[in-house]
Amino acid sequence: MRYRMAICLLWCAAGLLWFAPAPAHAFTGTELYQNCASAQKNSMEDLACISYVRGFIDGMVMARVGGKGFCPPERGILVDQGRRIAEKYLKDHPDDLHLEAGLVLGTAFIKAFPCGAKK
């Protein structure tokens, strides 16, 4: 009986820990740059960069940022192209690296694909 109760308590404790909030912080430009500048392709950092950039491109395309300056080409944006835009912007703007990665990438993509520009 004690054994079952101990197991039950352990499972309950594990369940509570599973749902406990983890400390969160914004993904910064520095972290994104470190991941994107990873020398090893197909590393965890490389995959994190690709995933973040792909998700960001999808979000920007879907939202069109409320028509506030982002107009992607009709043919779309390839992940590799998006990654290069992100890497270049992050490298060229080290003063923005402390900002949230989404804000930094938003600026990079708005500058890369401004509305009214020929595509």
Protein backbone atom coordinates (compact mmCIF):
# COMPACT_ATOMS: atom_id res chain seq x y z
CA MET A 1 0.00 0.00 0.00
CA ARG A 2 2.80 2.40 0.90
CA TYR A 3 4.55 1.54 -2.35
CA ARG A 4 1.46 2.48 -4.39
CA MET A 5 1.02 5.71 -2.47
CA ALA A 6 4.68 6.64 -3.00
CA ILE A 7 4.39 5.94 -6.73
CA CYS A 8 1.18 7.99 -6.89
CA LEU A 9 2.85 10.91 -5.09
CA LEU A 10 5.83 10.76 -7.44
CA TRP A 11 3.57 10.82 -10.49
CA CYS A 12 1.59 13.73 -9.08
CA ALA A 13 4.78 15.67 -8.35
CA ALA A 14 6.08 14.94 -11.84
CA GLY A 15 2.78 16.10 -13.31
CA LEU A 16 2.91 19.35 -11.38
CA LEU A 17 6.47 19.98 -12.51
CA TRP A 18 5.48 19.29 -16.10
CA PHE A 19 2.87 22.06 -16.00
CA ALA A 20 4.91 24.51 -13.95
CA PRO A 21 5.76 27.60 -15.96
CA ALA A 22 9.35 27.78 -17.09
CA PRO A 23 11.12 31.10 -16.92
CA ALA A 24 10.75 32.72 -20.30
CA HIS A 25 12.80 35.31 -22.06
CA ALA A 26 12.60 36.66 -25.55
CA PHE A 27 14.80 35.06 -28.18
CA THR A 28 17.32 37.79 -28.94
CA GLY A 29 19.06 38.82 -32.12
CA THR A 30 22.32 37.61 -30.57
CA GLU A 31 20.93 34.12 -30.07
CA LEU A 32 19.48 34.07 -33.56
CA TYR A 33 22.74 35.29 -35.07
CA GLN A 34 24.73 32.63 -33.19
CA ASN A 35 22.38 29.95 -34.47
CA CYS A 36 22.35 31.24 -38.06
CA ALA A 37 26.11 31.77 -38.20
CA SER A 38 26.76 28.19 -37.10
CA ALA A 39 29.52 26.70 -39.22
CA GLN A 40 28.04 23.22 -39.04
CA LYS A 41 25.11 22.66 -41.37
CA ASN A 42 22.39 20.39 -40.00
CA SER A 43 23.51 21.08 -36.44
CA MET A 44 20.91 21.91 -33.78
CA GLU A 45 21.80 25.60 -34.14
CA ASP A 46 21.42 25.46 -37.91
CA LEU A 47 18.04 23.76 -37.61
CA ALA A 48 16.93 26.28 -34.97
CA CYS A 49 17.85 29.11 -37.34
CA ILE A 50 16.03 27.58 -40.29
CA SER A 51 12.95 26.81 -38.18
CA TYR A 52 12.80 30.30 -36.70
CA VAL A 53 13.27 32.02 -40.06
CA ARG A 54 10.74 29.74 -41.81
CA GLY A 55 8.16 30.35 -39.10
CA PHE A 56 8.82 34.05 -39.23
CA ILE A 57 8.45 34.19 -43.01
CA ASP A 58 5.18 32.26 -42.79
CA GLY A 59 3.89 34.66 -40.12
CA MET A 60 4.91 37.74 -42.08
CA VAL A 61 3.35 36.44 -45.27
CA MET A 62 0.10 35.49 -43.53
CA ALA A 63 -0.24 38.75 -41.64
CA ARG A 64 1.34 41.02 -44.25
CA VAL A 65 2.11 43.08 -41.14
CA GLY A 66 -1.14 44.93 -41.56
CA GLY A 67 0.09 46.44 -44.82
CA LYS A 68 2.86 48.32 -43.04
CA GLY A 69 5.68 48.00 -45.46
CA PHE A 70 6.22 44.29 -46.05
CA CYS A 71 5.31 43.11 -49.54
CA PRO A 72 6.93 39.75 -50.34
CA PRO A 73 7.34 38.67 -53.94
CA GLU A 74 4.43 36.72 -55.41
CA ARG A 75 6.68 33.73 -55.95
CA GLY A 76 7.32 33.65 -52.21
CA ILE A 77 10.49 33.63 -50.15
CA LEU A 78 12.68 30.54 -50.00
CA VAL A 79 13.95 29.56 -46.56
CA ASP A 80 17.56 29.86 -47.72
CA GLN A 81 16.87 33.36 -49.03
CA GLY A 82 15.19 34.31 -45.75
CA ARG A 83 18.09 32.92 -43.79
CA ARG A 84 20.56 34.97 -45.84
CA ILE A 85 18.50 38.12 -45.34
CA ALA A 86 18.40 37.45 -41.58
CA GLU A 87 22.11 36.68 -41.34
CA LYS A 88 23.13 39.73 -43.36
CA TYR A 89 20.90 42.08 -41.39
CA LEU A 90 22.06 40.69 -38.05
CA LYS A 91 25.71 40.93 -39.11
CA ASP A 92 25.29 44.48 -40.44
CA HIS A 93 23.31 45.72 -37.41
CA PRO A 94 25.05 44.46 -34.26
CA ASP A 95 23.45 47.31 -32.33
CA ASP A 96 20.07 45.54 -32.74
CA LEU A 97 21.18 42.15 -31.42
CA HIS A 98 19.80 42.74 -27.92
CA LEU A 99 16.29 43.24 -29.32
CA GLU A 100 13.72 40.49 -29.64
CA ALA A 101 14.49 38.38 -32.68
CA GLY A 102 11.01 38.90 -34.15
CA LEU A 103 11.42 42.66 -34.15
CA VAL A 104 14.86 42.41 -35.70
CA LEU A 105 13.69 40.04 -38.43
CA GLY A 106 10.61 42.16 -39.06
CA THR A 107 12.85 45.12 -39.79
CA ALA A 108 15.14 43.00 -41.97
CA PHE A 109 12.27 41.67 -44.10
CA ILE A 110 10.55 45.04 -44.41
CA LYS A 111 13.83 46.49 -45.68
CA ALA A 112 14.38 43.53 -48.02
CA PHE A 113 10.82 43.56 -49.42
CA PRO A 114 9.40 47.08 -49.11
CA CYS A 115 6.01 47.79 -50.64
CA GLY A 116 6.18 49.63 -53.93
CA ALA A 117 9.53 48.07 -54.85
CA LYS A 118 9.84 46.15 -58.10
CA LYS A 119 9.94 42.41 -57.57
